[in-house]
Amino acid sequence: MSQSYYTGSFLSITIAFIPPTLILVLAELTFTCACVFHQDYVPKRWQIWLLFQLFNLVYLFALKYWTAFLGELNSVGSGLHFHLLLWLSDTDW
């Protein structure tokens, strides 16, 4: 088998598994922040799963219905990031 076959198969596996993993990590990080601020809180497995499904629905609707909005949000975010960098470059550390 050629090297390109291995590269293509790993890319396909990565594309298939990375987005759900990132959404799951986001759900777990949300509960980690809750645990940091409330030390006696222990999240249950079903709560993490439910938040994971909620984030999946949010991403589904964002990608399906808000594509024009996401482009505008990207422009606004880029502009804010540029202004933040200018503001930070003017401050005296």
PDB file of N, CA and C in Angstrom:
ATOM      1  N   MET A   1       0.834  -1.182   0.000  1.00  0.00           N
ATOM      2  CA  MET A   1       0.000   0.000   0.000  1.00  0.00           C
ATOM      3  C   MET A   1       0.875   1.240   0.000  1.00  0.00           C
ATOM      4  N   SER A   2       0.352   2.245  -0.642  1.00  0.00           N
ATOM      5  CA  SER A   2       1.162   3.453  -0.781  1.00  0.00           C
ATOM      6  C   SER A   2       0.985   4.366   0.439  1.00  0.00           C
ATOM      7  N   GLN A   3       1.908   5.276   0.546  1.00  0.00           N
ATOM      8  CA  GLN A   3       1.892   6.249   1.643  1.00  0.00           C
ATOM      9  C   GLN A   3       0.666   7.146   1.565  1.00  0.00           C
ATOM     10  N   SER A   4       0.246   7.491   0.359  1.00  0.00           N
ATOM     11  CA  SER A   4      -0.909   8.386   0.215  1.00  0.00           C
ATOM     12  C   SER A   4      -2.197   7.721   0.688  1.00  0.00           C
ATOM     13  N   TYR A   5      -2.294   6.395   0.560  1.00  0.00           N
ATOM     14  CA  TYR A   5      -3.479   5.694   1.054  1.00  0.00           C
ATOM     15  C   TYR A   5      -3.578   5.823   2.571  1.00  0.00           C
ATOM     16  N   TYR A   6      -2.460   5.666   3.265  1.00  0.00           N
ATOM     17  CA  TYR A   6      -2.464   5.815   4.719  1.00  0.00           C
ATOM     18  C   TYR A   6      -2.824   7.239   5.123  1.00  0.00           C
ATOM     19  N   THR A   7      -2.258   8.204   4.435  1.00  0.00           N
ATOM     20  CA  THR A   7      -2.541   9.605   4.750  1.00  0.00           C
ATOM     21  C   THR A   7      -4.013   9.927   4.537  1.00  0.00           C
ATOM     22  N   GLY A   8      -4.574   9.468   3.433  1.00  0.00           N
ATOM     23  CA  GLY A   8      -5.983   9.727   3.158  1.00  0.00           C
ATOM     24  C   GLY A   8      -6.904   9.043   4.138  1.00  0.00           C
ATOM     25  N   SER A   9      -6.566   7.821   4.538  1.00  0.00           N
ATOM     26  CA  SER A   9      -7.430   7.114   5.491  1.00  0.00           C
ATOM     27  C   SER A   9      -7.373   7.770   6.861  1.00  0.00           C
ATOM     28  N   PHE A  10      -6.188   8.222   7.307  1.00  0.00           N
ATOM     29  CA  PHE A  10      -6.105   8.920   8.587  1.00  0.00           C
ATOM     30  C   PHE A  10      -6.847  10.246   8.539  1.00  0.00           C
ATOM     31  N   LEU A  11      -6.804  10.935   7.403  1.00  0.00           N
ATOM     32  CA  LEU A  11      -7.546  12.181   7.266  1.00  0.00           C
ATOM     33  C   LEU A  11      -9.045  11.914   7.355  1.00  0.00           C
ATOM     34  N   SER A  12      -9.514  10.854   6.709  1.00  0.00           N
ATOM     35  CA  SER A  12     -10.939  10.517   6.769  1.00  0.00           C
ATOM     36  C   SER A  12     -11.373  10.170   8.188  1.00  0.00           C
ATOM     37  N   ILE A  13     -10.555   9.430   8.891  1.00  0.00           N
ATOM     38  CA  ILE A  13     -10.874   9.088  10.280  1.00  0.00           C
ATOM     39  C   ILE A  13     -10.884  10.349  11.136  1.00  0.00           C
ATOM     40  N   THR A  14      -9.944  11.233  10.919  1.00  0.00           N
ATOM     41  CA  THR A  14      -9.881  12.477  11.689  1.00  0.00           C
ATOM     42  C   THR A  14     -11.109  13.332  11.441  1.00  0.00           C
ATOM     43  N   ILE A  15     -11.518  13.476  10.196  1.00  0.00           N
ATOM     44  CA  ILE A  15     -12.691  14.279   9.870  1.00  0.00           C
ATOM     45  C   ILE A  15     -13.944  13.674  10.500  1.00  0.00           C
ATOM     46  N   ALA A  16     -13.999  12.359  10.585  1.00  0.00           N
ATOM     47  CA  ALA A  16     -15.182  11.703  11.140  1.00  0.00           C
ATOM     48  C   ALA A  16     -15.269  11.840  12.653  1.00  0.00           C
ATOM     49  N   PHE A  17     -14.129  11.856  13.352  1.00  0.00           N
ATOM     50  CA  PHE A  17     -14.170  11.786  14.804  1.00  0.00           C
ATOM     51  C   PHE A  17     -13.813  13.072  15.532  1.00  0.00           C
ATOM     52  N   ILE A  18     -13.179  14.026  14.917  1.00  0.00           N
ATOM     53  CA  ILE A  18     -12.763  15.234  15.629  1.00  0.00           C
ATOM     54  C   ILE A  18     -13.940  16.124  16.032  1.00  0.00           C
ATOM     55  N   PRO A  19     -14.910  16.457  15.161  1.00  0.00           N
ATOM     56  CA  PRO A  19     -15.994  17.357  15.611  1.00  0.00           C
ATOM     57  C   PRO A  19     -16.788  16.838  16.806  1.00  0.00           C
ATOM     58  N   PRO A  20     -17.199  15.565  16.861  1.00  0.00           N
ATOM     59  CA  PRO A  20     -17.900  15.117  18.065  1.00  0.00           C
ATOM     60  C   PRO A  20     -17.014  15.151  19.302  1.00  0.00           C
ATOM     61  N   THR A  21     -15.735  14.887  19.121  1.00  0.00           N
ATOM     62  CA  THR A  21     -14.823  14.930  20.262  1.00  0.00           C
ATOM     63  C   THR A  21     -14.708  16.342  20.808  1.00  0.00           C
ATOM     64  N   LEU A  22     -14.616  17.332  19.926  1.00  0.00           N
ATOM     65  CA  LEU A  22     -14.526  18.716  20.384  1.00  0.00           C
ATOM     66  C   LEU A  22     -15.795  19.152  21.104  1.00  0.00           C
ATOM     67  N   ILE A  23     -16.946  18.698  20.618  1.00  0.00           N
ATOM     68  CA  ILE A  23     -18.200  19.042  21.281  1.00  0.00           C
ATOM     69  C   ILE A  23     -18.264  18.378  22.657  1.00  0.00           C
ATOM     70  N   LEU A  24     -17.799  17.134  22.760  1.00  0.00           N
ATOM     71  CA  LEU A  24     -17.786  16.447  24.047  1.00  0.00           C
ATOM     72  C   LEU A  24     -16.833  17.126  25.020  1.00  0.00           C
ATOM     73  N   VAL A  25     -15.677  17.549  24.532  1.00  0.00           N
ATOM     74  CA  VAL A  25     -14.727  18.264  25.392  1.00  0.00           C
ATOM     75  C   VAL A  25     -15.327  19.583  25.864  1.00  0.00           C
ATOM     76  N   LEU A  26     -16.081  20.267  25.004  1.00  0.00           N
ATOM     77  CA  LEU A  26     -16.739  21.506  25.406  1.00  0.00           C
ATOM     78  C   LEU A  26     -17.746  21.247  26.521  1.00  0.00           C
ATOM     79  N   ALA A  27     -18.505  20.160  26.409  1.00  0.00           N
ATOM     80  CA  ALA A  27     -19.459  19.817  27.465  1.00  0.00           C
ATOM     81  C   ALA A  27     -18.740  19.488  28.766  1.00  0.00           C
ATOM     82  N   GLU A  28     -17.649  18.750  28.685  1.00  0.00           N
ATOM     83  CA  GLU A  28     -16.906  18.403  29.890  1.00  0.00           C
ATOM     84  C   GLU A  28     -16.239  19.632  30.510  1.00  0.00           C
ATOM     85  N   LEU A  29     -15.739  20.539  29.682  1.00  0.00           N
ATOM     86  CA  LEU A  29     -15.132  21.761  30.216  1.00  0.00           C
ATOM     87  C   LEU A  29     -16.160  22.657  30.884  1.00  0.00           C
ATOM     88  N   THR A  30     -17.377  22.664  30.371  1.00  0.00           N
ATOM     89  CA  THR A  30     -18.441  23.435  31.006  1.00  0.00           C
ATOM     90  C   THR A  30     -18.689  22.923  32.417  1.00  0.00           C
ATOM     91  N   PHE A  31     -18.754  21.607  32.575  1.00  0.00           N
ATOM     92  CA  PHE A  31     -18.948  21.043  33.904  1.00  0.00           C
ATOM     93  C   PHE A  31     -17.707  21.192  34.777  1.00  0.00           C
ATOM     94  N   THR A  32     -16.526  21.223  34.170  1.00  0.00           N
ATOM     95  CA  THR A  32     -15.310  21.466  34.942  1.00  0.00           C
ATOM     96  C   THR A  32     -15.329  22.860  35.541  1.00  0.00           C
ATOM     97  N   CYS A  33     -15.781  23.843  34.767  1.00  0.00           N
ATOM     98  CA  CYS A  33     -15.906  25.205  35.303  1.00  0.00           C
ATOM     99  C   CYS A  33     -16.914  25.245  36.444  1.00  0.00           C
ATOM    100  N   ALA A  34     -18.003  24.499  36.305  1.00  0.00           N
ATOM    101  CA  ALA A  34     -18.992  24.444  37.387  1.00  0.00           C
ATOM    102  C   ALA A  34     -18.384  23.814  38.632  1.00  0.00           C
ATOM    103  N   CYS A  35     -17.552  22.788  38.457  1.00  0.00           N
ATOM    104  CA  CYS A  35     -16.904  22.142  39.601  1.00  0.00           C
ATOM    105  C   CYS A  35     -15.870  23.044  40.267  1.00  0.00           C
ATOM    106  N   VAL A  36     -15.233  23.890  39.498  1.00  0.00           N
ATOM    107  CA  VAL A  36     -14.249  24.817  40.075  1.00  0.00           C
ATOM    108  C   VAL A  36     -14.942  25.823  40.987  1.00  0.00           C
ATOM    109  N   PHE A  37     -16.099  26.327  40.559  1.00  0.00           N
ATOM    110  CA  PHE A  37     -16.792  27.335  41.348  1.00  0.00           C
ATOM    111  C   PHE A  37     -17.667  26.736  42.447  1.00  0.00           C
ATOM    112  N   HIS A  38     -18.038  25.471  42.320  1.00  0.00           N
ATOM    113  CA  HIS A  38     -18.854  24.792  43.332  1.00  0.00           C
ATOM    114  C   HIS A  38     -18.172  23.462  43.639  1.00  0.00           C
ATOM    115  N   GLN A  39     -17.317  23.447  44.657  1.00  0.00           N
ATOM    116  CA  GLN A  39     -16.466  22.300  44.921  1.00  0.00           C
ATOM    117  C   GLN A  39     -17.253  21.036  45.284  1.00  0.00           C
ATOM    118  N   ASP A  40     -18.455  21.165  45.882  1.00  0.00           N
ATOM    119  CA  ASP A  40     -19.182  19.958  46.259  1.00  0.00           C
ATOM    120  C   ASP A  40     -20.066  19.430  45.126  1.00  0.00           C
ATOM    121  N   TYR A  41     -20.038  20.050  43.965  1.00  0.00           N
ATOM    122  CA  TYR A  41     -20.846  19.593  42.836  1.00  0.00           C
ATOM    123  C   TYR A  41     -20.085  18.525  42.060  1.00  0.00           C
ATOM    124  N   VAL A  42     -20.724  17.393  41.820  1.00  0.00           N
ATOM    125  CA  VAL A  42     -20.148  16.313  41.022  1.00  0.00           C
ATOM    126  C   VAL A  42     -21.126  16.022  39.884  1.00  0.00           C
ATOM    127  N   PRO A  43     -20.726  16.311  38.640  1.00  0.00           N
ATOM    128  CA  PRO A  43     -21.651  16.072  37.528  1.00  0.00           C
ATOM    129  C   PRO A  43     -21.849  14.581  37.286  1.00  0.00           C
ATOM    130  N   LYS A  44     -23.056  14.233  36.942  1.00  0.00           N
ATOM    131  CA  LYS A  44     -23.383  12.846  36.605  1.00  0.00           C
ATOM    132  C   LYS A  44     -23.110  12.628  35.118  1.00  0.00           C
ATOM    133  N   ARG A  45     -22.956  11.382  34.740  1.00  0.00           N
ATOM    134  CA  ARG A  45     -22.665  11.047  33.347  1.00  0.00           C
ATOM    135  C   ARG A  45     -23.809  11.473  32.429  1.00  0.00           C
ATOM    136  N   TRP A  46     -25.059  11.356  32.862  1.00  0.00           N
ATOM    137  CA  TRP A  46     -26.200  11.708  32.027  1.00  0.00           C
ATOM    138  C   TRP A  46     -26.274  13.222  31.818  1.00  0.00           C
ATOM    139  N   GLN A  47     -25.787  14.009  32.784  1.00  0.00           N
ATOM    140  CA  GLN A  47     -25.782  15.459  32.607  1.00  0.00           C
ATOM    141  C   GLN A  47     -24.799  15.872  31.518  1.00  0.00           C
ATOM    142  N   ILE A  48     -23.643  15.240  31.502  1.00  0.00           N
ATOM    143  CA  ILE A  48     -22.660  15.534  30.450  1.00  0.00           C
ATOM    144  C   ILE A  48     -23.211  15.111  29.098  1.00  0.00           C
ATOM    145  N   TRP A  49     -23.866  13.950  29.031  1.00  0.00           N
ATOM    146  CA  TRP A  49     -24.453  13.476  27.784  1.00  0.00           C
ATOM    147  C   TRP A  49     -25.542  14.421  27.298  1.00  0.00           C
ATOM    148  N   LEU A  50     -26.373  14.908  28.225  1.00  0.00           N
ATOM    149  CA  LEU A  50     -27.452  15.821  27.850  1.00  0.00           C
ATOM    150  C   LEU A  50     -26.903  17.146  27.325  1.00  0.00           C
ATOM    151  N   LEU A  51     -25.866  17.671  27.965  1.00  0.00           N
ATOM    152  CA  LEU A  51     -25.250  18.907  27.479  1.00  0.00           C
ATOM    153  C   LEU A  51     -24.573  18.677  26.127  1.00  0.00           C
ATOM    154  N   PHE A  52     -23.972  17.511  25.933  1.00  0.00           N
ATOM    155  CA  PHE A  52     -23.373  17.148  24.649  1.00  0.00           C
ATOM    156  C   PHE A  52     -24.433  17.166  23.550  1.00  0.00           C
ATOM    157  N   GLN A  53     -25.611  16.596  23.819  1.00  0.00           N
ATOM    158  CA  GLN A  53     -26.690  16.586  22.835  1.00  0.00           C
ATOM    159  C   GLN A  53     -27.215  17.998  22.576  1.00  0.00           C
ATOM    160  N   LEU A  54     -27.252  18.824  23.612  1.00  0.00           N
ATOM    161  CA  LEU A  54     -27.682  20.219  23.436  1.00  0.00           C
ATOM    162  C   LEU A  54     -26.715  20.964  22.524  1.00  0.00           C
ATOM    163  N   PHE A  55     -25.415  20.778  22.751  1.00  0.00           N
ATOM    164  CA  PHE A  55     -24.422  21.421  21.892  1.00  0.00           C
ATOM    165  C   PHE A  55     -24.512  20.891  20.462  1.00  0.00           C
ATOM    166  N   ASN A  56     -24.806  19.601  20.299  1.00  0.00           N
ATOM    167  CA  ASN A  56     -24.999  19.056  18.955  1.00  0.00           C
ATOM    168  C   ASN A  56     -26.160  19.744  18.247  1.00  0.00           C
ATOM    169  N   LEU A  57     -27.267  19.952  18.957  1.00  0.00           N
ATOM    170  CA  LEU A  57     -28.416  20.638  18.359  1.00  0.00           C
ATOM    171  C   LEU A  57     -28.092  22.089  18.016  1.00  0.00           C
ATOM    172  N   VAL A  58     -27.362  22.753  18.902  1.00  0.00           N
ATOM    173  CA  VAL A  58     -26.978  24.146  18.632  1.00  0.00           C
ATOM    174  C   VAL A  58     -26.107  24.218  17.384  1.00  0.00           C
ATOM    175  N   TYR A  59     -25.116  23.322  17.276  1.00  0.00           N
ATOM    176  CA  TYR A  59     -24.267  23.310  16.092  1.00  0.00           C
ATOM    177  C   TYR A  59     -25.049  22.963  14.834  1.00  0.00           C
ATOM    178  N   LEU A  60     -26.010  22.045  14.957  1.00  0.00           N
ATOM    179  CA  LEU A  60     -26.832  21.675  13.808  1.00  0.00           C
ATOM    180  C   LEU A  60     -27.608  22.878  13.288  1.00  0.00           C
ATOM    181  N   PHE A  61     -28.284  23.593  14.188  1.00  0.00           N
ATOM    182  CA  PHE A  61     -29.062  24.751  13.759  1.00  0.00           C
ATOM    183  C   PHE A  61     -28.161  25.886  13.286  1.00  0.00           C
ATOM    184  N   ALA A  62     -27.008  26.051  13.928  1.00  0.00           N
ATOM    185  CA  ALA A  62     -26.092  27.106  13.497  1.00  0.00           C
ATOM    186  C   ALA A  62     -25.571  26.851  12.088  1.00  0.00           C
ATOM    187  N   LEU A  63     -25.232  25.620  11.802  1.00  0.00           N
ATOM    188  CA  LEU A  63     -24.697  25.310  10.473  1.00  0.00           C
ATOM    189  C   LEU A  63     -25.775  25.251   9.406  1.00  0.00           C
ATOM    190  N   LYS A  64     -26.989  24.877   9.790  1.00  0.00           N
ATOM    191  CA  LYS A  64     -28.047  24.733   8.800  1.00  0.00           C
ATOM    192  C   LYS A  64     -28.730  26.062   8.484  1.00  0.00           C
ATOM    193  N   TYR A  65     -28.997  26.873   9.503  1.00  0.00           N
ATOM    194  CA  TYR A  65     -29.829  28.055   9.298  1.00  0.00           C
ATOM    195  C   TYR A  65     -29.088  29.385   9.411  1.00  0.00           C
ATOM    196  N   TRP A  66     -27.937  29.395  10.063  1.00  0.00           N
ATOM    197  CA  TRP A  66     -27.292  30.676  10.337  1.00  0.00           C
ATOM    198  C   TRP A  66     -25.986  30.861   9.582  1.00  0.00           C
ATOM    199  N   THR A  67     -25.889  30.345   8.364  1.00  0.00           N
ATOM    200  CA  THR A  67     -24.620  30.463   7.651  1.00  0.00           C
ATOM    201  C   THR A  67     -24.287  31.915   7.316  1.00  0.00           C
ATOM    202  N   ALA A  68     -25.286  32.706   6.946  1.00  0.00           N
ATOM    203  CA  ALA A  68     -25.015  34.125   6.679  1.00  0.00           C
ATOM    204  C   ALA A  68     -24.638  34.839   7.973  1.00  0.00           C
ATOM    205  N   PHE A  69     -25.303  34.476   9.057  1.00  0.00           N
ATOM    206  CA  PHE A  69     -24.990  35.083  10.353  1.00  0.00           C
ATOM    207  C   PHE A  69     -23.574  34.723  10.802  1.00  0.00           C
ATOM    208  N   LEU A  70     -23.151  33.498  10.530  1.00  0.00           N
ATOM    209  CA  LEU A  70     -21.807  33.085  10.931  1.00  0.00           C
ATOM    210  C   LEU A  70     -20.735  33.860  10.176  1.00  0.00           C
ATOM    211  N   GLY A  71     -20.997  34.180   8.900  1.00  0.00           N
ATOM    212  CA  GLY A  71     -20.050  34.995   8.153  1.00  0.00           C
ATOM    213  C   GLY A  71     -19.931  36.396   8.736  1.00  0.00           C
ATOM    214  N   GLU A  72     -21.067  36.977   9.100  1.00  0.00           N
ATOM    215  CA  GLU A  72     -21.042  38.304   9.734  1.00  0.00           C
ATOM    216  C   GLU A  72     -20.367  38.244  11.096  1.00  0.00           C
ATOM    217  N   LEU A  73     -20.640  37.188  11.843  1.00  0.00           N
ATOM    218  CA  LEU A  73     -20.013  37.026  13.154  1.00  0.00           C
ATOM    219  C   LEU A  73     -18.503  36.896  13.025  1.00  0.00           C
ATOM    220  N   ASN A  74     -18.051  36.233  11.980  1.00  0.00           N
ATOM    221  CA  ASN A  74     -16.624  36.113  11.722  1.00  0.00           C
ATOM    222  C   ASN A  74     -16.009  37.481  11.445  1.00  0.00           C
ATOM    223  N   SER A  75     -16.696  38.306  10.663  1.00  0.00           N
ATOM    224  CA  SER A  75     -16.185  39.647  10.369  1.00  0.00           C
ATOM    225  C   SER A  75     -16.124  40.511  11.622  1.00  0.00           C
ATOM    226  N   VAL A  76     -17.178  40.444  12.426  1.00  0.00           N
ATOM    227  CA  VAL A  76     -17.207  41.234  13.664  1.00  0.00           C
ATOM    228  C   VAL A  76     -16.116  40.763  14.621  1.00  0.00           C
ATOM    229  N   GLY A  77     -15.964  39.437  14.757  1.00  0.00           N
ATOM    230  CA  GLY A  77     -14.937  38.897  15.639  1.00  0.00           C
ATOM    231  C   GLY A  77     -13.537  39.263  15.188  1.00  0.00           C
ATOM    232  N   SER A  78     -13.310  39.244  13.883  1.00  0.00           N
ATOM    233  CA  SER A  78     -11.991  39.631  13.364  1.00  0.00           C
ATOM    234  C   SER A  78     -11.712  41.099  13.639  1.00  0.00           C
ATOM    235  N   GLY A  79     -12.723  41.940  13.465  1.00  0.00           N
ATOM    236  CA  GLY A  79     -12.548  43.364  13.752  1.00  0.00           C
ATOM    237  C   GLY A  79     -12.274  43.621  15.221  1.00  0.00           C
ATOM    238  N   LEU A  80     -13.016  42.940  16.102  1.00  0.00           N
ATOM    239  CA  LEU A  80     -12.786  43.103  17.539  1.00  0.00           C
ATOM    240  C   LEU A  80     -11.408  42.597  17.940  1.00  0.00           C
ATOM    241  N   HIS A  81     -10.982  41.502  17.345  1.00  0.00           N
ATOM    242  CA  HIS A  81      -9.660  40.964  17.643  1.00  0.00           C
ATOM    243  C   HIS A  81      -8.572  41.937  17.208  1.00  0.00           C
ATOM    244  N   PHE A  82      -8.739  42.548  16.045  1.00  0.00           N
ATOM    245  CA  PHE A  82      -7.764  43.528  15.564  1.00  0.00           C
ATOM    246  C   PHE A  82      -7.700  44.735  16.494  1.00  0.00           C
ATOM    247  N   HIS A  83      -8.862  45.236  16.931  1.00  0.00           N
ATOM    248  CA  HIS A  83      -8.875  46.388  17.835  1.00  0.00           C
ATOM    249  C   HIS A  83      -8.293  46.028  19.201  1.00  0.00           C
ATOM    250  N   LEU A  84      -8.532  44.807  19.659  1.00  0.00           N
ATOM    251  CA  LEU A  84      -7.949  44.370  20.924  1.00  0.00           C
ATOM    252  C   LEU A  84      -6.432  44.313  20.827  1.00  0.00           C
ATOM    253  N   LEU A  85      -5.916  43.809  19.701  1.00  0.00           N
ATOM    254  CA  LEU A  85      -4.468  43.774  19.522  1.00  0.00           C
ATOM    255  C   LEU A  85      -3.877  45.176  19.477  1.00  0.00           C
ATOM    256  N   LEU A  86      -4.575  46.104  18.814  1.00  0.00           N
ATOM    257  CA  LEU A  86      -4.099  47.488  18.807  1.00  0.00           C
ATOM    258  C   LEU A  86      -4.118  48.083  20.205  1.00  0.00           C
ATOM    259  N   TRP A  87      -5.160  47.799  20.965  1.00  0.00           N
ATOM    260  CA  TRP A  87      -5.266  48.334  22.320  1.00  0.00           C
ATOM    261  C   TRP A  87      -4.178  47.751  23.212  1.00  0.00           C
ATOM    262  N   LEU A  88      -3.901  46.451  23.080  1.00  0.00           N
ATOM    263  CA  LEU A  88      -2.865  45.838  23.894  1.00  0.00           C
ATOM    264  C   LEU A  88      -1.467  46.312  23.514  1.00  0.00           C
ATOM    265  N   SER A  89      -1.275  46.659  22.252  1.00  0.00           N
ATOM    266  CA  SER A  89       0.039  47.121  21.838  1.00  0.00           C
ATOM    267  C   SER A  89       0.318  48.538  22.333  1.00  0.00           C
ATOM    268  N   ASP A  90      -0.744  49.297  22.661  1.00  0.00           N
ATOM    269  CA  ASP A  90      -0.561  50.658  23.165  1.00  0.00           C
ATOM    270  C   ASP A  90      -0.380  50.725  24.674  1.00  0.00           C
ATOM    271  N   THR A  91      -0.677  49.650  25.395  1.00  0.00           N
ATOM    272  CA  THR A  91      -0.571  49.696  26.850  1.00  0.00           C
ATOM    273  C   THR A  91       0.882  49.518  27.274  1.00  0.00           C
ATOM    274  N   ASP A  92       1.210  50.116  28.400  1.00  0.00           N
ATOM    275  CA  ASP A  92       2.546  49.966  28.968  1.00  0.00           C
ATOM    276  C   ASP A  92       2.518  48.816  29.949  1.00  0.00           C
ATOM    277  N   TRP A  93       3.350  47.814  29.734  1.00  0.00           N
ATOM    278  CA  TRP A  93       3.381  46.646  30.609  1.00  0.00           C
ATOM    279  C   TRP A  93       4.381  46.914  31.655  1.00  0.00           C
TER     280      TRP A  93
END
